Protein backbone atom coordinates (compact mmCIF):
# COMPACT_ATOMS: atom_id res chain seq x y z
CA MET A 1 5.57 18.42 -7.19
CA PRO A 2 4.00 21.02 -5.38
CA LEU A 3 0.01 20.82 -6.96
CA PRO A 4 -1.26 24.27 -9.12
CA ILE A 5 -3.22 26.75 -7.36
CA ILE A 6 -5.53 29.25 -7.96
CA HIS A 7 -5.41 32.30 -6.61
CA ASP A 8 -4.19 35.53 -6.48
CA ARG A 9 -2.13 36.97 -3.46
CA GLY A 10 -2.00 35.67 0.03
CA LEU A 11 -5.05 34.73 2.34
CA ASP A 12 -4.83 37.81 4.12
CA GLY A 13 -7.46 39.79 3.75
CA PHE A 14 -10.17 36.60 3.05
CA LYS A 15 -12.30 35.15 4.96
CA GLN A 16 -12.28 31.10 5.48
CA LEU A 17 -15.21 29.43 4.28
CA GLY A 18 -13.75 26.23 4.62
CA ASP A 19 -11.27 23.26 3.92
CA ARG A 20 -11.77 20.25 1.72
CA THR A 21 -9.62 16.69 1.89
CA GLY A 22 -8.22 13.81 -0.68
CA THR A 23 -5.26 13.59 -2.08
CA ALA A 24 -5.11 17.30 -2.16
CA ARG A 25 -6.65 19.61 0.55
CA VAL A 26 -7.88 22.72 -1.29
CA GLN A 27 -8.60 25.94 1.11
CA VAL A 28 -11.26 27.40 0.00
CA ALA A 29 -11.83 31.62 0.34
CA GLN A 30 -13.67 34.45 -0.69
CA PRO A 31 -12.24 37.41 -0.83
CA VAL A 32 -13.16 40.14 1.88
CA GLY A 33 -16.01 42.45 0.25
CA ASP A 34 -16.11 41.11 -2.82
CA PRO A 35 -18.96 37.82 -1.97
CA ASP A 36 -19.53 36.41 -6.00
CA ARG A 37 -15.83 35.18 -6.38
CA ARG A 38 -14.34 32.34 -4.62
CA VAL A 39 -10.68 32.07 -4.98
CA ALA A 40 -9.00 28.52 -3.43
CA GLN A 41 -5.60 27.02 -2.67
CA VAL A 42 -3.74 24.37 -2.94
CA TRP A 43 -1.29 21.78 -1.75
CA PRO A 44 -0.12 17.90 -1.77
CA VAL A 45 -0.20 16.58 1.62
CA PRO A 46 2.02 13.56 2.01
CA GLY A 47 0.03 11.25 3.29
CA ALA A 48 -3.61 12.46 3.24
CA ARG A 49 -6.52 9.94 1.80
CA PRO A 50 -10.47 10.97 1.40
CA GLY A 51 -11.66 11.64 5.02
CA VAL A 52 -8.95 12.18 6.70
CA LEU A 53 -7.89 16.43 7.14
CA ALA A 54 -5.06 16.82 7.37
CA SER A 55 -3.21 19.63 8.70
CA SER A 56 -0.02 20.02 7.06
CA GLY A 57 0.38 23.78 5.94
CA PRO A 58 0.72 25.24 2.38
CA VAL A 59 4.22 24.76 0.36
CA THR A 60 5.83 28.02 -1.73
CA VAL A 61 3.57 27.60 -4.72
CA PRO A 62 4.12 29.99 -8.17
CA ARG A 63 1.02 31.86 -7.94
CA LEU A 64 -1.38 32.34 -11.60
CA PRO A 65 -4.39 34.21 -12.76
CA SER A 66 -7.42 35.60 -11.14
CA LEU A 67 -9.71 32.92 -11.95
CA PRO A 68 -13.52 32.09 -10.47
CA PHE A 69 -12.60 28.29 -8.70
CA ASP A 70 -16.29 27.16 -9.48
CA ILE A 71 -14.39 26.30 -13.11
CA VAL A 72 -12.73 23.78 -12.55
CA LEU A 73 -15.19 21.66 -13.75
CA SER A 74 -16.07 22.81 -17.51
CA ALA A 75 -20.39 21.40 -17.09
CA VAL A 76 -22.14 18.36 -15.59
CA VAL A 77 -24.30 16.76 -17.82
CA VAL A 78 -26.72 14.24 -16.28
CA LEU A 79 -27.74 11.07 -17.76
CA PRO A 80 -30.11 7.97 -16.97
CA GLN A 81 -28.68 4.49 -17.85
CA PRO A 82 -31.76 2.80 -19.82
CA PRO A 83 -30.12 0.29 -22.02
CA LEU A 84 -33.01 0.71 -24.76
CA LEU A 85 -30.77 4.51 -25.18
CA VAL A 86 -28.99 2.47 -27.30
CA PRO A 87 -31.28 1.60 -30.43
CA GLU A 88 -29.83 -1.62 -30.73
CA LEU A 89 -31.73 -2.26 -28.13
CA ALA A 90 -35.17 -0.20 -28.06
CA THR A 91 -37.07 -2.19 -30.39
CA GLY A 92 -40.13 -1.88 -30.17
CA ALA A 93 -39.71 0.73 -28.38
CA ALA A 94 -37.40 3.12 -30.29
CA ALA A 95 -40.71 5.37 -30.74
CA GLU A 96 -41.78 5.87 -27.47
CA THR A 97 -37.85 6.40 -27.09
CA THR A 98 -36.40 8.97 -29.37
CA GLY A 99 -37.61 12.34 -27.47
CA LEU A 100 -35.20 10.68 -24.92
CA ARG A 101 -32.45 9.33 -26.99
CA ASP A 102 -32.80 13.05 -28.99
CA ALA A 103 -32.37 14.58 -26.08
CA CYS A 104 -29.12 12.48 -24.21
CA ARG A 105 -27.43 12.77 -27.25
CA SER A 106 -27.86 17.21 -27.21
CA ALA A 107 -25.96 17.59 -23.88
CA VAL A 108 -23.24 14.59 -24.21
CA VAL A 109 -22.68 16.81 -27.26
CA ARG A 110 -22.16 19.60 -25.14
CA LEU A 111 -20.71 18.19 -22.99
CA ALA A 112 -17.15 17.27 -24.84
CA ALA A 113 -17.60 20.91 -26.62
CA ALA A 114 -17.30 21.56 -23.31
CA ALA A 115 -14.65 19.12 -22.64
CA PRO A 116 -12.16 16.37 -24.05
CA ARG A 117 -12.79 15.14 -20.44
CA TRP A 118 -15.53 13.08 -19.28
CA ILE A 119 -15.12 12.00 -14.81
CA ALA A 120 -18.48 9.80 -15.15
CA VAL A 121 -20.38 8.84 -11.86
CA GLY A 122 -22.38 6.05 -11.23
CA ALA A 123 -23.97 3.49 -9.16
CA ASP A 124 -23.68 0.05 -9.54
CA PRO A 125 -23.92 -3.20 -6.87
CA GLY A 126 -19.94 -3.58 -7.15
CA GLY A 127 -19.33 -0.25 -4.86
CA ARG A 128 -17.30 2.15 -4.96
CA ARG A 129 -14.09 1.39 -7.10
CA THR A 130 -12.56 3.63 -9.86
CA VAL A 131 -12.18 2.00 -13.68
CA GLY A 132 -9.70 3.49 -16.38
CA PRO A 133 -10.01 4.99 -19.83
CA GLU A 134 -8.57 1.83 -20.71
CA SER A 135 -11.89 0.55 -20.46
CA ALA A 136 -14.24 -1.20 -22.71
CA GLY A 137 -18.00 -3.30 -22.00
CA THR A 138 -20.27 -4.47 -24.48
CA PHE A 139 -24.53 -5.07 -24.32
CA ALA A 140 -24.03 -8.74 -25.20
CA GLY A 141 -26.15 -8.54 -21.16
CA PHE A 142 -29.05 -6.45 -22.78
CA GLY A 143 -29.08 -8.67 -26.03
CA VAL A 144 -27.77 -7.45 -28.53
CA ASP A 145 -23.33 -7.71 -28.75
CA VAL A 146 -22.94 -3.66 -28.97
CA ARG A 147 -20.06 -2.71 -27.98
CA VAL A 148 -18.77 0.50 -26.09
CA ALA A 149 -15.16 1.72 -24.52
CA LEU A 150 -14.20 4.74 -22.29
CA ASP A 151 -11.99 6.46 -24.73
CA THR A 152 -12.34 7.12 -28.00
CA THR A 153 -9.21 9.09 -29.21
CA PRO A 154 -8.15 7.63 -32.42
CA GLY A 155 -5.87 4.11 -32.34
CA ALA A 156 -6.49 4.32 -28.65
CA VAL A 157 -5.99 0.61 -26.79
CA THR A 158 -8.71 -0.65 -24.86
CA ALA A 159 -8.94 -3.95 -23.10
CA VAL A 160 -11.24 -6.99 -23.90
CA PRO A 161 -14.51 -6.15 -24.19
CA ASP A 162 -16.46 -6.57 -20.21
CA PRO A 163 -19.32 -8.96 -20.70
CA GLU A 164 -19.93 -7.64 -17.39
CA PHE A 165 -18.84 -3.89 -17.83
CA PRO A 166 -21.08 -1.58 -15.25
CA LEU A 167 -24.66 -0.48 -16.74
CA PRO A 168 -24.04 3.80 -16.43
CA LEU A 169 -19.81 2.98 -17.43
CA LEU A 170 -22.46 1.06 -21.04
CA ILE A 171 -24.06 4.91 -21.21
CA ALA A 172 -21.36 6.69 -20.90
CA GLY A 173 -19.24 4.90 -23.56
CA TRP A 174 -21.99 4.67 -24.74
CA ALA A 175 -22.71 8.77 -25.49
CA ALA A 176 -19.28 9.60 -26.21
CA ALA A 177 -19.01 7.62 -29.45
CA GLY A 178 -22.19 8.51 -30.40
CA THR A 179 -20.66 12.37 -30.22
CA GLY A 180 -17.41 11.80 -32.59
CA ALA A 181 -15.09 13.58 -30.16
CA ALA A 182 -12.15 12.77 -29.18
CA LEU A 183 -12.92 11.21 -25.83
CA ARG A 184 -11.08 9.89 -22.40
CA ILE A 185 -13.57 9.02 -19.93
CA ARG A 186 -12.48 7.48 -16.07
CA GLY A 187 -15.11 6.20 -14.16
CA GLU A 188 -16.59 6.11 -10.10
CA LEU A 189 -18.54 4.19 -9.39
CA VAL A 190 -20.10 3.49 -5.93
CA ALA A 191 -22.56 1.95 -3.69
CA PRO A 192 -26.45 2.83 -4.78
CA ASP A 193 -26.53 2.76 -1.01
CA ALA A 194 -23.56 4.53 -0.53
CA ALA A 195 -24.64 7.45 2.19
CA PRO A 196 -25.25 10.23 0.78
CA SER A 197 -21.87 11.59 3.11
CA ASP A 198 -20.24 9.89 1.40
CA CYS A 199 -21.32 11.00 -1.30
CA ALA A 200 -20.58 14.09 -0.64
CA GLU A 201 -17.29 13.36 0.19
CA LEU A 202 -16.17 11.78 -3.71
CA GLY A 203 -17.64 15.04 -4.63
CA ALA A 204 -15.66 17.26 -3.36
CA THR A 205 -12.22 15.47 -3.62
CA LEU A 206 -13.13 14.73 -8.03
CA ALA A 207 -13.84 18.33 -7.74
CA ALA A 208 -10.45 18.96 -5.75
CA GLU A 209 -8.57 17.15 -8.70
CA CYS A 210 -9.92 18.08 -11.15
CA ALA A 211 -8.46 22.24 -9.54
CA ALA A 212 -4.77 21.15 -10.09
CA THR A 213 -5.01 19.14 -13.03
CA ASP A 214 -4.31 21.22 -16.25
CA GLY A 215 -6.99 21.51 -18.98
CA PRO A 216 -11.77 21.76 -18.94
CA VAL A 217 -12.80 18.47 -17.06
CA GLY A 218 -16.49 17.53 -17.96
CA LEU A 219 -18.73 15.50 -15.22
CA LEU A 220 -21.31 12.74 -16.13
CA ILE A 221 -23.90 11.19 -14.09
CA VAL A 222 -25.75 8.49 -15.10
CA GLY A 223 -28.98 7.17 -12.69
CA ASP A 224 -32.53 6.61 -13.47
CA GLY A 225 -35.43 8.03 -11.55
CA ALA A 226 -37.78 6.33 -9.09
CA ALA A 227 -38.29 3.11 -11.13
CA THR A 228 -41.85 2.71 -8.90
CA HIS A 229 -44.01 5.03 -10.92
CA THR A 230 -46.55 2.50 -12.79
CA GLU A 231 -47.87 -1.32 -11.18
CA LYS A 232 -45.80 -2.58 -14.20
CA ALA A 233 -42.16 -0.20 -13.75
CA PRO A 234 -39.83 -2.57 -12.33
CA GLY A 235 -40.62 -2.26 -8.58
CA HIS A 236 -44.11 -1.86 -9.25
CA LEU A 237 -46.39 1.56 -8.10
CA ASP A 238 -45.27 3.15 -5.04
CA VAL A 239 -47.52 6.23 -4.90
CA ARG A 240 -44.31 8.69 -3.19
CA ALA A 241 -42.33 8.15 -7.00
CA GLY A 242 -44.05 11.11 -8.24
CA ARG A 243 -43.11 14.07 -5.91
CA PHE A 244 -39.63 12.72 -5.69
CA ASP A 245 -39.26 12.91 -9.66
CA GLU A 246 -41.03 15.67 -9.36
CA GLU A 247 -37.94 17.19 -6.84
CA VAL A 248 -35.54 15.58 -8.65
CA ALA A 249 -36.42 17.76 -12.29
CA ALA A 250 -36.14 20.42 -10.16
CA ALA A 251 -33.48 20.53 -8.57
CA LEU A 252 -32.08 19.37 -11.84
CA ALA A 253 -33.39 22.68 -13.67
CA ALA A 254 -32.76 24.81 -11.47
CA ALA A 255 -29.05 23.34 -10.98
CA ASP A 256 -30.36 23.34 -7.24
CA ALA A 257 -27.32 21.41 -4.88
CA THR A 258 -28.86 21.98 -2.34
CA ALA A 259 -32.03 19.89 -2.85
CA LEU A 260 -30.05 17.18 -4.64
CA ALA A 261 -28.17 16.37 -1.82
CA ALA A 262 -31.49 16.43 0.98
CA LEU A 263 -32.75 13.45 -1.04
CA ASP A 264 -33.88 10.69 0.92
CA PRO A 265 -31.45 7.55 0.49
CA VAL A 266 -34.15 5.06 2.72
CA LEU A 267 -37.15 6.60 0.99
CA ALA A 268 -35.43 6.73 -2.90
CA GLU A 269 -34.27 2.94 -2.15
CA GLN A 270 -38.13 1.52 -1.28
CA LEU A 271 -38.16 3.80 -4.60
CA TRP A 272 -35.91 1.93 -6.44
CA ALA A 273 -34.06 5.01 -7.70
CA VAL A 274 -30.19 4.54 -8.18
CA GLY A 275 -29.86 8.00 -9.70
CA ARG A 276 -29.85 9.09 -6.25
CA ALA A 277 -26.34 8.70 -4.69
CA PRO A 278 -24.64 9.35 -8.06
CA TRP A 279 -26.91 12.97 -8.47
CA GLN A 280 -25.05 13.76 -4.60
CA VAL A 281 -21.76 13.06 -5.52
CA LEU A 282 -22.66 16.32 -7.96
CA ALA A 283 -24.32 18.01 -5.13
CA GLY A 284 -20.72 17.34 -2.70
CA ALA A 285 -18.95 18.28 -6.44
CA VAL A 286 -20.34 21.11 -6.62
CA THR A 287 -20.63 23.07 -2.90
CA GLY A 288 -16.93 21.12 -2.97
CA THR A 289 -15.86 23.52 -5.38
CA GLY A 290 -16.65 26.70 -3.34
CA THR A 291 -19.95 27.63 -5.58
CA GLY A 292 -22.22 27.69 -2.84
CA THR A 293 -25.87 25.89 -2.55
CA GLY A 294 -29.55 26.06 -4.47
CA GLY A 295 -27.24 26.57 -7.97
CA ALA A 296 -26.27 30.51 -7.22
CA ARG A 297 -22.42 30.31 -9.36
CA TRP A 298 -24.37 27.09 -12.41
CA ARG A 299 -27.32 27.54 -15.13
CA GLY A 300 -29.51 24.48 -14.65
CA GLU A 301 -31.47 23.18 -18.10
CA LEU A 302 -33.89 20.40 -18.36
CA LEU A 303 -33.39 19.13 -20.85
CA HIS A 304 -35.80 15.68 -20.87
CA SER A 305 -38.42 14.38 -17.86
CA SER A 306 -40.46 11.47 -18.32
CA ALA A 307 -41.28 7.90 -17.63
CA PRO A 308 -42.54 5.68 -20.65
CA PHE A 309 -41.90 2.73 -18.84
CA GLY A 310 -42.96 3.87 -14.95
CA VAL A 311 -39.08 4.83 -14.74
CA ALA A 312 -37.88 8.13 -14.55
CA TYR A 313 -35.07 9.29 -16.58
CA HIS A 314 -33.88 12.78 -16.53
CA VAL A 315 -31.31 14.79 -19.00
CA ALA A 316 -30.36 17.51 -17.96
CA VAL A 317 -26.69 20.35 -18.68
CA TRP A 318 -24.99 22.45 -16.39
CA THR A 319 -23.17 25.10 -17.42
CA PRO A 320 -20.92 27.65 -14.11
CA LEU A 321 -21.88 31.09 -14.71
CA PRO A 322 -19.68 33.36 -15.82
C-alpha cells in the first residue's frame, strides 16, 4: 500500500534538493520562487534498506494538503543521562542536581504535550539496534531498583524489567513517567563510536519514517557531554573539554545542525563525550527532513548547561518554526 505523501502538486515547477533513502524513498523538493518551503513525496521501495539508493520511480498516490516538510518531527528534546537525575539515586548530590532535574522535567513535559509517540536515541556499547516500546528496565544496577517502562499508556503490557537495560533508555523511561502523560517510546541505539555518516543516515531514515507516519512524533536525544572537565571527572582533566562543550551548548541553543554534524568523533571519544553520536543523529534527522542547516527552520532553546561533577550536562528543546 502506498505511503502518504506531503505535497500539493507534481514535481513540475520544483527544483530537486536531494533524495533520502531508508525503508522508503523520500524526494525533497523546493518550489521555484519559494525558498522558504519544502515539499516531499514519499513512496515505498521494495527491498530498499538504509544506505542503498533505490532507483524505482514513484507510485500513484492520493494527494494531501500542502504542508512544510519540517513538521514531520513535532519537537526535539535533548537530555543528559546521569543516573543521579533520579532522586532515589542522587543521595548526597540532590541539591547540586536540582536545577538540572527541573530543566529535564520542563523539557520532557513540553515534548509530551507535542507528541504521544517518541523516538529516543542514545549511545550504548551494544551497538546499533532498535528497542520496542514494550520493553522495561530498572536502575538496580546503579544501586536502587527504580523501574521504568517505555510505554506509559494505561493498561500497557510491558516485559519483565531488564537489569541491563541501556542507560539512555532508562533515562527516557524515567523522564516519560515524570510527565504523567500516556506515551509510547521506541529506542534507537547506536554505538558510541558510530561514524558521523552513519549517524546522519540513521537520522535521515528516522525523519523519512516520521514523514510517512500519521500523527505527531517527538524526538528525544539522550547523551552527556565531555566527562573530562576536572581532575576528579570520570575521564580526568582534559583542557579541551571546556571549548568542546561550549560549542555543543551554542549549537543546541541555536538549533545549529551543521555545528553538531561537524563534531569531531575522535576528540569526542577522547573527552568521553557519549552524546556525540546521538547529537549527530539529531543533525541528520533535521537536515534529512529538508529543513536546511544552521537552524534555519527550527528554534532552539538551551534550558540548562553545567558540569557539576566534571561531566557536561546539556538540556535543550527544539521546536519547528511555522
